[in-house]
Protein backbone atom coordinates (compact mmCIF):
# COMPACT_ATOMS: atom_id res chain seq x y z
CA MET A 1 -3.11 20.43 7.40
CA HIS A 2 -3.16 18.78 3.97
CA ARG A 3 -6.13 17.80 1.85
CA PHE A 4 -5.55 14.07 1.37
CA LYS A 5 -7.75 13.82 -1.73
CA ASP A 6 -5.37 16.20 -3.51
CA LEU A 7 -2.25 14.18 -2.75
CA GLU A 8 -0.84 12.01 -5.55
CA ILE A 9 0.44 9.49 -2.99
CA TRP A 10 -3.11 9.01 -1.72
CA LYS A 11 -4.54 8.71 -5.24
CA SER A 12 -1.88 6.20 -6.29
CA SER A 13 -2.23 4.11 -3.15
CA ARG A 14 -6.02 4.08 -3.48
CA LYS A 15 -5.69 2.82 -7.06
CA PHE A 16 -3.17 0.21 -5.92
CA CYS A 17 -5.64 -0.98 -3.29
CA SER A 18 -8.16 -1.67 -6.05
CA GLU A 19 -5.50 -3.64 -7.94
CA ILE A 20 -4.91 -5.82 -4.87
CA TYR A 21 -8.62 -6.51 -4.51
CA SER A 22 -8.76 -7.52 -8.17
CA VAL A 23 -5.69 -9.77 -8.01
CA THR A 24 -6.72 -11.50 -4.80
CA SER A 25 -10.18 -12.29 -6.16
CA ASP A 26 -8.48 -15.09 -8.12
CA PHE A 27 -6.74 -16.61 -5.07
CA PRO A 28 -8.01 -19.98 -3.80
CA ASP A 29 -10.95 -19.94 -1.39
CA ALA A 30 -8.67 -21.51 1.24
CA GLU A 31 -6.75 -18.21 1.34
CA ARG A 32 -9.81 -16.07 2.03
CA PHE A 33 -8.82 -15.65 5.68
CA GLY A 34 -5.09 -15.88 5.01
CA LEU A 35 -3.21 -14.03 2.31
CA VAL A 36 -6.30 -12.48 0.74
CA ASN A 37 -7.33 -10.89 4.02
CA GLN A 38 -3.77 -9.81 4.86
CA LEU A 39 -3.10 -8.27 1.44
CA ARG A 40 -6.39 -6.44 1.37
CA ARG A 41 -6.08 -5.06 4.89
CA ALA A 42 -2.51 -3.90 4.31
CA SER A 43 -3.43 -2.28 0.99
CA VAL A 44 -6.35 -0.42 2.58
CA SER A 45 -4.07 0.81 5.36
CA ILE A 46 -1.81 2.71 2.94
CA PRO A 47 -4.29 5.36 1.75
CA SER A 48 -6.04 5.24 5.13
CA ASN A 49 -2.86 6.17 7.01
CA ILE A 50 -2.09 8.91 4.51
CA ALA A 51 -5.58 10.33 5.02
CA GLU A 52 -5.39 10.04 8.79
CA GLY A 53 -1.97 11.69 8.81
CA CYS A 54 -3.43 14.65 6.94
CA SER A 55 -5.72 15.32 9.88
CA ARG A 56 -2.81 15.77 12.28
CA SER A 57 -1.83 19.24 13.37
CA SER A 58 1.93 18.77 13.08
CA ASN A 59 4.20 17.60 10.30
CA LYS A 60 5.92 15.30 12.79
CA ASP A 61 2.65 13.47 13.43
CA PHE A 62 1.85 13.35 9.72
CA SER A 63 5.32 11.97 9.05
CA ARG A 64 4.70 9.13 11.49
CA PHE A 65 1.56 8.08 9.60
CA LEU A 66 3.53 8.12 6.35
CA GLU A 67 6.06 5.79 8.01
CA ILE A 68 3.23 3.43 8.90
CA ALA A 69 1.99 3.54 5.29
CA ILE A 70 5.49 2.66 4.06
CA GLY A 71 5.56 -0.23 6.53
CA SER A 72 2.35 -1.55 5.01
CA ILE A 73 3.93 -1.35 1.57
CA PHE A 74 6.81 -3.58 2.65
CA GLU A 75 4.32 -5.94 4.29
CA ILE A 76 2.44 -6.19 0.99
CA GLU A 77 5.63 -6.83 -0.97
CA THR A 78 6.46 -9.75 1.34
CA GLN A 79 2.95 -11.15 1.00
CA LEU A 80 3.11 -10.82 -2.80
CA LEU A 81 6.39 -12.74 -2.86
CA ILE A 82 4.78 -15.49 -0.77
CA SER A 83 1.79 -15.47 -3.13
CA PHE A 84 4.19 -15.92 -6.05
CA ASP A 85 6.01 -18.75 -4.23
CA LEU A 86 2.66 -20.51 -3.77
CA GLY A 87 1.73 -20.05 -7.43
CA TYR A 88 -1.16 -17.65 -6.84
CA ILE A 89 0.34 -14.93 -9.06
CA ASP A 90 2.75 -15.17 -11.98
CA GLN A 91 6.07 -13.39 -12.43
CA MET A 92 4.62 -10.73 -14.72
CA LYS A 93 1.90 -9.76 -12.21
CA LEU A 94 4.40 -9.83 -9.33
CA ASP A 95 6.75 -7.51 -11.23
CA GLU A 96 3.92 -5.13 -12.12
CA LEU A 97 2.62 -4.92 -8.56
CA CYS A 98 6.10 -4.52 -7.06
CA LEU A 99 6.90 -1.77 -9.57
CA ASN A 100 3.74 0.08 -8.50
CA LEU A 101 4.67 -0.39 -4.85
CA ASP A 102 8.16 0.94 -5.51
CA LYS A 103 6.70 4.07 -7.12
CA ILE A 104 4.42 4.65 -4.14
CA VAL A 105 7.31 4.20 -1.68
CA LYS A 106 9.45 6.70 -3.60
CA MET A 107 6.64 9.24 -3.84
CA THR A 108 5.77 8.85 -0.17
CA SER A 109 9.40 9.08 0.96
CA LYS A 110 9.96 12.17 -1.15
CA PHE A 111 6.80 13.81 0.17
CA LYS A 112 7.76 12.85 3.75
CA SER A 113 11.13 14.59 3.31
CA THR A 114 9.32 17.86 2.54
CA LEU A 115 7.55 17.76 5.90
CA ILE A 116 10.69 18.04 8.00
């Protein structure tokens, strides 16, 4: 069993979650139950799934939760691209957020490969 608070992937994804909350606070009110809600829920699910996976007794189970976290990352990337298309975020912010997501995916994938 791993201590999730010690994992860099958990720390990074938790920080990223805060970034998403900050960015989406500037979205139009009409998106409160649309993209804002979707982005926030997906961003919360990344560190949450990492933490939940840590509680599992086998590496195989933990690995499955890491897969779910990676799925949420790709969901967020899609939603960020849609947010850009709609003019809610600019190219610089999109690039910054996607770069952070890419780092989290790489870290998570690398960590996942050590579990097998």
